[in-house]
Amino acid sequence: MRQRIIAAAAALSAFAGVAAAEGQRVTVVELYTSQGCSSCPPADALFSEVAARDGVIGLALHVDYWDYIGWADTFADPGFTKRQKAYAVSAGERMVYTPQIIVNGATSIVGTDASALASALVPAGGAGAPDLSLSRSGSTIRVTATADSPLPEGSFVQLVRYIPTAAVTIDRGENAGRRLTYTNIVTSWKRVGEWDGSKPLTLTLDAPGDQPTVVIIQAPGPGRILAAAVQD
């Protein structure tokens, strides 16, 4: 597994240069994981490597459907399970699993597959992606965006907050006795509006506290991510 992580990191190093050359467009990597899942720690480690790279916004969403086996994930949120299930429905799949990675809202990967992940890391939105920027003023985030062409009907704007890192000692369940470190742990994921791209977007959003803030513009479904930006 360590060799696979190193291989993915090498691929990401090349990708980081491409992202900078293209004006800081980013890749959004969502990891669906659980403290109660014995298969998840290798994926959590790989995700940590990926999330540290320039040009990548990594977001770990802890789901609650493994809580019944003896350990309730301390970061789990039913809303994250709902989001993962919505992706499955949109893709015509009948079940969800952990660890799962979804890149740019469009590409589903087994969370330990470093090679597939490295291959999937391209900037969100493709050619003609909206131009999105964030700025902070006190406890608010100002969001501005423009688009050269209309967005898919029903495209929406989301506000995401996360904890950069935390360590947890797990007392029960499949990972009992382990102390695991998690990265970019999502604490909230809110839909804050819709935008069709026909006019410039300007929003002022409440974002108190010191958790980093991410804004994501996404096609309905949920579908592909059209643009994203982070404000530390």
Protein backbone atom coordinates (compact mmCIF):
# COMPACT_ATOMS: atom_id res chain seq x y z
CA MET A 1 0.00 0.00 0.00
CA ARG A 2 2.82 2.42 0.84
CA GLN A 3 4.30 1.91 -2.64
CA ARG A 4 0.92 2.62 -4.21
CA ILE A 5 0.62 5.83 -2.19
CA ILE A 6 4.09 6.93 -3.34
CA ALA A 7 3.15 6.22 -6.96
CA ALA A 8 0.01 8.32 -6.62
CA ALA A 9 1.98 11.12 -5.00
CA ALA A 10 4.44 11.15 -7.91
CA ALA A 11 1.58 11.44 -10.38
CA LEU A 12 0.07 14.23 -8.31
CA SER A 13 3.33 16.17 -8.39
CA ALA A 14 3.08 16.40 -12.15
CA PHE A 15 -0.59 17.29 -11.92
CA ALA A 16 0.13 20.14 -9.49
CA GLY A 17 2.21 21.92 -12.13
CA VAL A 18 -0.60 21.59 -14.66
CA ALA A 19 -3.12 23.04 -12.23
CA ALA A 20 -0.96 26.10 -11.58
CA ALA A 21 -0.49 26.67 -15.29
CA GLU A 22 -4.23 26.63 -15.82
CA GLY A 23 -4.99 29.40 -13.33
CA GLN A 24 -5.37 27.43 -10.11
CA ARG A 25 -8.32 25.36 -11.25
CA VAL A 26 -8.73 22.45 -8.86
CA THR A 27 -9.79 18.84 -8.57
CA VAL A 28 -12.36 17.97 -5.91
CA VAL A 29 -11.81 14.58 -4.25
CA GLU A 30 -14.58 13.31 -1.96
CA LEU A 31 -13.73 10.34 0.26
CA TYR A 32 -16.61 8.41 1.82
CA THR A 33 -15.19 6.64 4.86
CA SER A 34 -15.99 5.38 8.35
CA GLN A 35 -14.10 4.83 11.58
CA GLY A 36 -15.96 1.53 11.89
CA CYS A 37 -14.75 0.14 8.55
CA SER A 38 -11.64 -2.06 8.65
CA SER A 39 -10.96 -1.43 4.94
CA CYS A 40 -10.91 2.35 5.36
CA PRO A 41 -7.57 3.18 7.09
CA PRO A 42 -5.48 2.56 3.93
CA ALA A 43 -7.89 4.79 1.98
CA ASP A 44 -7.70 7.45 4.69
CA ALA A 45 -3.89 7.39 4.38
CA LEU A 46 -3.99 7.65 0.58
CA PHE A 47 -6.51 10.47 0.80
CA SER A 48 -4.24 12.34 3.21
CA GLU A 49 -1.43 12.21 0.63
CA VAL A 50 -3.73 13.41 -2.13
CA ALA A 51 -5.37 16.19 -0.11
CA ALA A 52 -1.95 17.71 0.67
CA ARG A 53 -1.21 18.35 -3.00
CA ASP A 54 -1.56 21.71 -4.71
CA GLY A 55 -4.52 21.78 -7.06
CA VAL A 56 -6.57 19.31 -5.01
CA ILE A 57 -9.44 20.01 -2.63
CA GLY A 58 -9.86 16.85 -0.56
CA LEU A 59 -13.04 16.42 1.48
CA ALA A 60 -13.59 13.42 3.77
CA LEU A 61 -17.25 12.64 4.47
CA HIS A 62 -17.80 10.17 7.30
CA VAL A 63 -20.94 8.08 6.87
CA ASP A 64 -23.07 6.52 9.59
CA TYR A 65 -24.15 3.15 8.18
CA TRP A 66 -21.33 1.24 9.87
CA ASP A 67 -22.19 2.60 13.33
CA TYR A 68 -24.29 -0.47 14.15
CA ILE A 69 -21.29 -2.84 14.28
CA GLY A 70 -20.04 -1.48 17.59
CA TRP A 71 -18.48 1.94 17.09
CA ALA A 72 -20.32 5.14 16.25
CA ASP A 73 -18.10 7.26 13.99
CA THR A 74 -17.44 10.51 15.86
CA PHE A 75 -17.54 12.54 12.62
CA ALA A 76 -20.44 10.78 10.90
CA ASP A 77 -23.43 12.72 9.59
CA PRO A 78 -26.58 11.19 8.05
CA GLY A 79 -26.45 13.97 5.48
CA PHE A 80 -23.17 12.61 4.14
CA THR A 81 -24.71 9.16 3.76
CA LYS A 82 -27.59 10.81 1.91
CA ARG A 83 -25.16 12.55 -0.44
CA GLN A 84 -23.33 9.31 -1.20
CA LYS A 85 -26.63 7.53 -1.88
CA ALA A 86 -27.68 10.36 -4.19
CA TYR A 87 -24.51 9.82 -6.23
CA ALA A 88 -25.34 6.11 -6.43
CA VAL A 89 -28.88 6.79 -7.64
CA SER A 90 -27.61 9.29 -10.20
CA ALA A 91 -25.14 6.68 -11.51
CA GLY A 92 -27.75 3.92 -11.60
CA GLU A 93 -26.07 1.96 -8.82
CA ARG A 94 -28.00 -0.01 -6.22
CA MET A 95 -25.68 0.20 -3.23
CA VAL A 96 -23.05 2.31 -1.50
CA TYR A 97 -19.81 1.22 0.12
CA THR A 98 -16.73 2.43 1.94
CA PRO A 99 -14.10 3.42 1.18
CA GLN A 100 -15.28 5.18 -1.97
CA ILE A 101 -13.73 8.19 -3.71
CA ILE A 102 -15.66 10.41 -6.09
CA VAL A 103 -13.61 12.81 -8.20
CA ASN A 104 -15.22 16.01 -9.46
CA GLY A 105 -18.67 14.57 -8.82
CA ALA A 106 -18.27 12.28 -11.81
CA THR A 107 -15.70 9.49 -11.39
CA SER A 108 -16.20 6.77 -8.77
CA ILE A 109 -13.13 4.90 -7.51
CA VAL A 110 -12.49 2.29 -4.83
CA GLY A 111 -10.85 4.35 -2.10
CA THR A 112 -7.62 2.32 -2.02
CA ASP A 113 -6.99 2.36 -5.79
CA ALA A 114 -4.09 4.82 -6.01
CA SER A 115 -3.49 4.26 -9.72
CA ALA A 116 -7.09 4.95 -10.71
CA LEU A 117 -7.14 8.00 -8.48
CA ALA A 118 -3.99 9.45 -10.00
CA SER A 119 -5.44 8.97 -13.49
CA ALA A 120 -8.69 10.73 -12.54
CA LEU A 121 -7.09 13.91 -11.21
CA VAL A 122 -7.99 16.57 -13.75
CA PRO A 123 -9.33 20.04 -12.96
CA ALA A 124 -13.08 20.24 -12.36
CA GLY A 125 -15.33 21.68 -15.01
CA GLY A 126 -13.21 21.07 -18.09
CA ALA A 127 -12.90 23.64 -20.85
CA GLY A 128 -15.03 26.71 -20.20
CA ALA A 129 -15.38 26.10 -16.47
CA PRO A 130 -16.78 29.04 -14.47
CA ASP A 131 -14.31 31.44 -12.90
CA LEU A 132 -14.89 31.24 -9.13
CA SER A 133 -13.16 33.22 -6.37
CA LEU A 134 -13.58 33.65 -2.60
CA SER A 135 -12.54 36.33 -0.13
CA ARG A 136 -13.03 36.55 3.61
CA SER A 137 -14.17 39.55 5.63
CA GLY A 138 -14.51 38.75 9.33
CA SER A 139 -17.04 35.96 9.71
CA THR A 140 -18.33 36.09 6.14
CA ILE A 141 -17.15 34.76 2.79
CA ARG A 142 -17.76 36.73 -0.39
CA VAL A 143 -18.31 34.51 -3.43
CA THR A 144 -17.98 35.82 -6.97
CA ALA A 145 -18.25 33.80 -10.18
CA THR A 146 -18.67 34.32 -13.89
CA ALA A 147 -19.31 31.88 -16.72
CA ASP A 148 -18.72 32.16 -20.46
CA SER A 149 -21.72 29.96 -21.23
CA PRO A 150 -24.90 28.82 -19.44
CA LEU A 151 -24.58 26.09 -16.84
CA PRO A 152 -26.73 22.94 -16.75
CA GLU A 153 -30.24 23.78 -15.59
CA GLY A 154 -30.54 23.41 -11.83
CA SER A 155 -26.83 23.86 -11.07
CA PHE A 156 -26.33 24.76 -7.43
CA VAL A 157 -23.86 26.39 -5.06
CA GLN A 158 -22.68 24.66 -1.86
CA LEU A 159 -20.80 25.83 1.22
CA VAL A 160 -18.53 23.26 2.90
CA ARG A 161 -16.54 23.51 6.14
CA TYR A 162 -13.92 21.06 7.37
CA ILE A 163 -11.41 20.29 10.13
CA PRO A 164 -7.90 19.95 8.63
CA THR A 165 -6.83 17.05 10.88
CA ALA A 166 -7.83 15.10 13.97
CA ALA A 167 -6.74 11.88 15.68
CA VAL A 168 -9.24 9.44 17.17
CA THR A 169 -8.73 6.45 19.45
CA ILE A 170 -11.24 3.77 18.48
CA ASP A 171 -12.34 1.54 21.34
CA ARG A 172 -14.76 -0.86 19.65
CA GLY A 173 -15.73 -2.29 16.29
CA GLU A 174 -13.51 -3.48 13.44
CA ASN A 175 -10.75 -0.94 14.21
CA ALA A 176 -10.79 -1.40 17.99
CA GLY A 177 -7.53 -0.48 19.70
CA ARG A 178 -6.28 1.72 16.87
CA ARG A 179 -5.53 5.44 16.97
CA LEU A 180 -6.17 6.85 13.52
CA THR A 181 -5.50 10.28 12.07
CA TYR A 182 -8.01 11.78 9.68
CA THR A 183 -7.61 14.63 7.18
CA ASN A 184 -9.99 17.34 5.93
CA ILE A 185 -12.96 16.06 7.91
CA VAL A 186 -16.15 17.67 6.63
CA THR A 187 -18.28 19.17 9.41
CA SER A 188 -21.02 20.74 7.30
CA TRP A 189 -22.17 20.69 3.69
CA LYS A 190 -24.92 23.15 2.80
CA ARG A 191 -26.69 24.09 -0.39
CA VAL A 192 -26.82 27.89 -0.48
CA GLY A 193 -28.32 28.76 -3.85
CA GLU A 194 -28.70 28.07 -7.56
CA TRP A 195 -26.88 29.68 -10.45
CA ASP A 196 -27.42 29.31 -14.19
CA GLY A 197 -24.33 31.23 -15.29
CA SER A 198 -26.25 33.79 -17.33
CA LYS A 199 -25.21 36.64 -15.02
CA PRO A 200 -22.27 37.09 -12.63
CA LEU A 201 -22.78 35.45 -9.24
CA THR A 202 -22.24 37.39 -6.03
CA LEU A 203 -23.00 35.89 -2.61
CA THR A 204 -22.08 36.81 0.94
CA LEU A 205 -22.20 33.75 3.18
CA ASP A 206 -21.82 33.30 6.92
CA ALA A 207 -18.70 31.29 7.73
CA PRO A 208 -17.72 31.96 11.35
CA GLY A 209 -14.81 30.30 13.07
CA ASP A 210 -11.45 29.17 11.75
CA GLN A 211 -12.40 26.06 9.78
CA PRO A 212 -11.41 26.30 6.10
CA THR A 213 -14.29 27.06 3.75
CA VAL A 214 -14.96 25.52 0.34
CA VAL A 215 -17.50 26.67 -2.22
CA ILE A 216 -18.55 24.18 -4.89
CA ILE A 217 -20.70 24.78 -7.97
CA GLN A 218 -22.21 21.50 -9.15
CA ALA A 219 -24.57 20.23 -11.82
CA PRO A 220 -27.80 18.66 -10.57
CA GLY A 221 -27.96 14.96 -9.82
CA PRO A 222 -25.63 15.46 -7.97
CA GLY A 223 -23.59 15.56 -11.15
CA ARG A 224 -20.22 16.82 -12.19
CA ILE A 225 -18.55 19.60 -10.26
CA LEU A 226 -18.22 22.68 -12.44
CA ALA A 227 -15.97 24.81 -10.21
CA ALA A 228 -14.61 24.91 -6.68
CA ALA A 229 -12.47 27.15 -4.51
CA VAL A 230 -11.16 27.09 -0.95
CA GLN A 231 -10.56 29.87 1.58
CA ASP A 232 -8.40 28.94 4.56
